[in-house]
Amino acid sequence: MSKWQQRVRTLMVNYLALPSDVILELPRITIIGQIHVYIENHLGLVTYSDTELKLKMKQGFVQITGTSFVIKMMLPQEILLEGSIKDVRFLPANKQ
């Protein structure tokens, strides 16, 4: 994203009171205890196993680790993961 586009988006968030996650294309992550993670605004599934989930984001990746993972729901930009959540990490685009 160009610097100009980033400035315009930041202005829209700050002055028009628009949701930052939508305008800046950021993920929205909702964690319920250690058993559910609901993620919106992802660009696709990269890795899935019973101990790891990695999703592509505009600025890199989100990696979730734990145990007994089950994908309860998956839509084009949303996913609901169930299991024992241990860690949620944001990884830059150059790290996979």
N, C-alpha and C. Protein backbone atom coordinates (compact mmCIF):
# COMPACT_ATOMS: atom_id res chain seq x y z
N MET A 1 0.85 -1.16 0.00
CA MET A 1 0.00 0.00 0.00
C MET A 1 0.90 1.23 0.00
N SER A 2 0.58 2.20 -0.84
CA SER A 2 1.40 3.40 -0.91
C SER A 2 1.21 4.27 0.33
N LYS A 3 2.17 5.14 0.55
CA LYS A 3 2.09 6.03 1.72
C LYS A 3 0.88 6.95 1.61
N TRP A 4 0.56 7.38 0.39
CA TRP A 4 -0.59 8.25 0.19
C TRP A 4 -1.88 7.54 0.58
N GLN A 5 -2.04 6.29 0.13
CA GLN A 5 -3.23 5.52 0.48
C GLN A 5 -3.33 5.32 1.99
N GLN A 6 -2.20 5.05 2.62
CA GLN A 6 -2.20 4.85 4.07
C GLN A 6 -2.64 6.13 4.78
N ARG A 7 -2.17 7.27 4.32
CA ARG A 7 -2.57 8.56 4.94
C ARG A 7 -4.06 8.81 4.78
N VAL A 8 -4.58 8.55 3.58
CA VAL A 8 -6.01 8.76 3.34
C VAL A 8 -6.84 7.85 4.24
N ARG A 9 -6.45 6.61 4.36
CA ARG A 9 -7.18 5.66 5.21
C ARG A 9 -7.13 6.08 6.67
N THR A 10 -5.97 6.53 7.12
CA THR A 10 -5.84 6.99 8.51
C THR A 10 -6.72 8.21 8.75
N LEU A 11 -6.76 9.14 7.80
CA LEU A 11 -7.64 10.30 7.93
C LEU A 11 -9.10 9.89 7.99
N MET A 12 -9.49 8.91 7.18
CA MET A 12 -10.88 8.44 7.20
C MET A 12 -11.24 7.86 8.56
N VAL A 13 -10.32 7.12 9.14
CA VAL A 13 -10.56 6.53 10.46
C VAL A 13 -10.67 7.62 11.50
N ASN A 14 -9.72 8.56 11.50
CA ASN A 14 -9.66 9.58 12.53
C ASN A 14 -10.78 10.61 12.44
N TYR A 15 -11.10 11.07 11.24
CA TYR A 15 -12.03 12.18 11.10
C TYR A 15 -13.45 11.77 10.75
N LEU A 16 -13.64 10.63 10.16
CA LEU A 16 -14.99 10.20 9.80
C LEU A 16 -15.53 9.13 10.74
N ALA A 17 -14.74 8.76 11.72
CA ALA A 17 -15.13 7.77 12.72
C ALA A 17 -15.55 6.44 12.08
N LEU A 18 -14.83 6.03 11.05
CA LEU A 18 -15.08 4.74 10.42
C LEU A 18 -14.27 3.67 11.14
N PRO A 19 -14.74 2.42 11.13
CA PRO A 19 -14.02 1.34 11.84
C PRO A 19 -12.62 1.13 11.27
N SER A 20 -11.62 1.18 12.13
CA SER A 20 -10.24 1.07 11.67
C SER A 20 -9.92 -0.29 11.08
N ASP A 21 -10.51 -1.36 11.61
CA ASP A 21 -10.20 -2.69 11.09
C ASP A 21 -10.64 -2.84 9.64
N VAL A 22 -11.74 -2.21 9.26
CA VAL A 22 -12.25 -2.32 7.90
C VAL A 22 -11.46 -1.40 6.96
N ILE A 23 -11.28 -0.16 7.34
CA ILE A 23 -10.61 0.81 6.48
C ILE A 23 -9.13 0.46 6.30
N LEU A 24 -8.44 0.07 7.37
CA LEU A 24 -7.02 -0.23 7.29
C LEU A 24 -6.73 -1.69 6.95
N GLU A 25 -7.79 -2.46 6.68
CA GLU A 25 -7.69 -3.87 6.32
C GLU A 25 -6.93 -4.68 7.38
N LEU A 26 -7.27 -4.44 8.63
CA LEU A 26 -6.67 -5.15 9.75
C LEU A 26 -7.55 -6.33 10.15
N PRO A 27 -6.97 -7.37 10.71
CA PRO A 27 -7.80 -8.47 11.18
C PRO A 27 -8.53 -8.09 12.46
N ARG A 28 -9.71 -8.62 12.62
CA ARG A 28 -10.45 -8.47 13.89
C ARG A 28 -10.45 -9.85 14.52
N ILE A 29 -9.85 -9.95 15.70
CA ILE A 29 -9.71 -11.24 16.37
C ILE A 29 -10.45 -11.19 17.69
N THR A 30 -11.39 -12.11 17.88
CA THR A 30 -12.14 -12.22 19.12
C THR A 30 -11.79 -13.56 19.75
N ILE A 31 -11.26 -13.50 20.97
CA ILE A 31 -10.88 -14.71 21.70
C ILE A 31 -11.82 -14.88 22.88
N ILE A 32 -12.41 -16.05 22.99
CA ILE A 32 -13.32 -16.35 24.09
C ILE A 32 -12.62 -17.38 24.98
N GLY A 33 -12.14 -16.89 26.13
CA GLY A 33 -11.39 -17.76 27.03
C GLY A 33 -10.18 -18.32 26.31
N GLN A 34 -9.93 -19.59 26.50
CA GLN A 34 -8.86 -20.27 25.78
C GLN A 34 -9.41 -21.34 24.85
N ILE A 35 -10.72 -21.23 24.51
CA ILE A 35 -11.33 -22.30 23.74
C ILE A 35 -11.81 -21.91 22.34
N HIS A 36 -12.07 -20.63 22.07
CA HIS A 36 -12.55 -20.19 20.76
C HIS A 36 -11.77 -18.97 20.27
N VAL A 37 -11.51 -18.93 18.97
CA VAL A 37 -10.95 -17.75 18.32
C VAL A 37 -11.77 -17.50 17.06
N TYR A 38 -12.29 -16.28 16.93
CA TYR A 38 -13.05 -15.88 15.76
C TYR A 38 -12.24 -14.79 15.06
N ILE A 39 -11.87 -15.01 13.80
CA ILE A 39 -11.03 -14.07 13.06
C ILE A 39 -11.76 -13.61 11.81
N GLU A 40 -11.81 -12.28 11.64
CA GLU A 40 -12.41 -11.67 10.46
C GLU A 40 -11.32 -10.96 9.65
N ASN A 41 -11.58 -10.72 8.39
CA ASN A 41 -10.70 -9.96 7.49
C ASN A 41 -9.41 -10.70 7.17
N HIS A 42 -9.44 -12.02 7.06
CA HIS A 42 -8.24 -12.74 6.62
C HIS A 42 -8.29 -12.96 5.11
N LEU A 43 -7.15 -13.30 4.53
CA LEU A 43 -7.07 -13.49 3.08
C LEU A 43 -6.92 -14.94 2.67
N GLY A 44 -6.98 -15.84 3.62
CA GLY A 44 -6.90 -17.25 3.27
C GLY A 44 -6.12 -18.08 4.27
N LEU A 45 -6.39 -19.36 4.25
CA LEU A 45 -5.76 -20.32 5.13
C LEU A 45 -4.41 -20.75 4.54
N VAL A 46 -3.35 -20.65 5.34
CA VAL A 46 -2.01 -21.04 4.91
C VAL A 46 -1.64 -22.41 5.47
N THR A 47 -1.84 -22.59 6.78
CA THR A 47 -1.50 -23.83 7.46
C THR A 47 -2.61 -24.19 8.43
N TYR A 48 -2.96 -25.48 8.46
CA TYR A 48 -3.91 -25.96 9.46
C TYR A 48 -3.52 -27.37 9.90
N SER A 49 -3.45 -27.55 11.21
CA SER A 49 -3.29 -28.88 11.81
C SER A 49 -4.01 -28.84 13.15
N ASP A 50 -3.94 -29.92 13.91
CA ASP A 50 -4.61 -29.92 15.22
C ASP A 50 -3.85 -29.10 16.26
N THR A 51 -2.67 -28.55 15.90
CA THR A 51 -1.88 -27.74 16.83
C THR A 51 -1.53 -26.35 16.30
N GLU A 52 -1.84 -26.05 15.04
CA GLU A 52 -1.47 -24.75 14.46
C GLU A 52 -2.45 -24.31 13.39
N LEU A 53 -2.72 -23.00 13.38
CA LEU A 53 -3.51 -22.37 12.32
C LEU A 53 -2.75 -21.12 11.91
N LYS A 54 -2.51 -20.95 10.60
CA LYS A 54 -1.86 -19.74 10.11
C LYS A 54 -2.71 -19.17 8.99
N LEU A 55 -3.04 -17.88 9.11
CA LEU A 55 -3.87 -17.20 8.13
C LEU A 55 -3.10 -16.06 7.50
N LYS A 56 -3.31 -15.83 6.20
CA LYS A 56 -2.71 -14.71 5.49
C LYS A 56 -3.51 -13.46 5.79
N MET A 57 -2.80 -12.37 6.07
CA MET A 57 -3.41 -11.07 6.29
C MET A 57 -2.78 -10.07 5.32
N LYS A 58 -3.33 -8.90 5.23
CA LYS A 58 -2.79 -7.88 4.32
C LYS A 58 -1.34 -7.55 4.66
N GLN A 59 -1.00 -7.47 5.96
CA GLN A 59 0.35 -7.09 6.38
C GLN A 59 1.20 -8.28 6.81
N GLY A 60 0.80 -9.49 6.56
CA GLY A 60 1.59 -10.65 6.96
C GLY A 60 0.71 -11.84 7.30
N PHE A 61 0.95 -12.41 8.48
CA PHE A 61 0.25 -13.62 8.89
C PHE A 61 -0.18 -13.53 10.36
N VAL A 62 -1.23 -14.28 10.71
CA VAL A 62 -1.59 -14.52 12.10
C VAL A 62 -1.41 -16.01 12.32
N GLN A 63 -0.65 -16.36 13.36
CA GLN A 63 -0.38 -17.76 13.69
C GLN A 63 -0.96 -18.04 15.07
N ILE A 64 -1.76 -19.09 15.17
CA ILE A 64 -2.36 -19.51 16.44
C ILE A 64 -1.87 -20.91 16.73
N THR A 65 -1.35 -21.12 17.93
CA THR A 65 -0.89 -22.45 18.32
C THR A 65 -1.65 -22.91 19.55
N GLY A 66 -1.73 -24.22 19.71
CA GLY A 66 -2.43 -24.83 20.83
C GLY A 66 -2.60 -26.31 20.58
N THR A 67 -3.71 -26.86 21.07
CA THR A 67 -3.98 -28.29 20.89
C THR A 67 -5.45 -28.52 20.57
N SER A 68 -5.74 -29.67 20.00
CA SER A 68 -7.11 -30.13 19.70
C SER A 68 -7.90 -29.15 18.85
N PHE A 69 -7.29 -28.56 17.83
CA PHE A 69 -7.96 -27.59 16.99
C PHE A 69 -8.98 -28.23 16.06
N VAL A 70 -10.13 -27.57 15.94
CA VAL A 70 -11.18 -27.95 15.01
C VAL A 70 -11.72 -26.66 14.40
N ILE A 71 -11.81 -26.58 13.08
CA ILE A 71 -12.42 -25.43 12.43
C ILE A 71 -13.92 -25.64 12.45
N LYS A 72 -14.61 -24.80 13.20
CA LYS A 72 -16.07 -24.91 13.33
C LYS A 72 -16.81 -24.23 12.20
N MET A 73 -16.23 -23.15 11.65
CA MET A 73 -16.86 -22.42 10.57
C MET A 73 -15.77 -21.74 9.76
N MET A 74 -15.92 -21.74 8.44
CA MET A 74 -14.97 -21.03 7.58
C MET A 74 -15.72 -20.42 6.41
N LEU A 75 -15.64 -19.10 6.32
CA LEU A 75 -16.21 -18.33 5.22
C LEU A 75 -15.06 -17.64 4.49
N PRO A 76 -15.31 -16.99 3.36
CA PRO A 76 -14.21 -16.38 2.62
C PRO A 76 -13.30 -15.45 3.43
N GLN A 77 -13.84 -14.69 4.39
CA GLN A 77 -13.02 -13.78 5.18
C GLN A 77 -13.17 -13.99 6.69
N GLU A 78 -13.81 -15.06 7.10
CA GLU A 78 -14.04 -15.32 8.52
C GLU A 78 -13.74 -16.78 8.84
N ILE A 79 -13.29 -17.01 10.07
CA ILE A 79 -13.03 -18.38 10.51
C ILE A 79 -13.27 -18.47 12.02
N LEU A 80 -13.84 -19.58 12.46
CA LEU A 80 -14.05 -19.85 13.87
C LEU A 80 -13.28 -21.12 14.21
N LEU A 81 -12.32 -20.98 15.12
CA LEU A 81 -11.46 -22.08 15.53
C LEU A 81 -11.79 -22.45 16.97
N GLU A 82 -11.88 -23.74 17.22
CA GLU A 82 -12.14 -24.24 18.57
C GLU A 82 -11.01 -25.17 18.98
N GLY A 83 -10.62 -25.10 20.22
CA GLY A 83 -9.55 -25.94 20.76
C GLY A 83 -8.94 -25.27 21.97
N SER A 84 -7.82 -25.75 22.42
CA SER A 84 -7.11 -25.15 23.54
C SER A 84 -6.08 -24.18 22.98
N ILE A 85 -6.34 -22.87 23.11
CA ILE A 85 -5.50 -21.83 22.53
C ILE A 85 -4.34 -21.54 23.47
N LYS A 86 -3.13 -21.59 22.94
CA LYS A 86 -1.94 -21.31 23.73
C LYS A 86 -1.33 -19.96 23.38
N ASP A 87 -1.28 -19.63 22.06
CA ASP A 87 -0.53 -18.45 21.63
C ASP A 87 -1.14 -17.89 20.34
N VAL A 88 -1.18 -16.55 20.24
CA VAL A 88 -1.58 -15.86 19.02
C VAL A 88 -0.45 -14.91 18.66
N ARG A 89 0.07 -15.03 17.44
CA ARG A 89 1.22 -14.20 17.01
C ARG A 89 0.93 -13.55 15.68
N PHE A 90 1.47 -12.35 15.54
CA PHE A 90 1.44 -11.64 14.27
C PHE A 90 2.83 -11.74 13.66
N LEU A 91 2.91 -12.27 12.44
CA LEU A 91 4.19 -12.46 11.76
C LEU A 91 4.27 -11.54 10.55
N PRO A 92 5.42 -10.88 10.33
CA PRO A 92 5.56 -10.04 9.14
C PRO A 92 5.47 -10.86 7.86
N ALA A 93 5.20 -10.20 6.76
CA ALA A 93 4.98 -10.87 5.47
C ALA A 93 6.20 -11.66 5.01
N ASN A 94 7.41 -11.27 5.37
CA ASN A 94 8.59 -11.97 4.90
C ASN A 94 8.90 -13.22 5.71
N LYS A 95 8.17 -13.48 6.81
CA LYS A 95 8.35 -14.70 7.62
C LYS A 95 7.19 -15.65 7.36
N GLN A 96 7.48 -16.91 7.12
CA GLN A 96 6.40 -17.88 6.98
C GLN A 96 6.75 -19.02 7.88
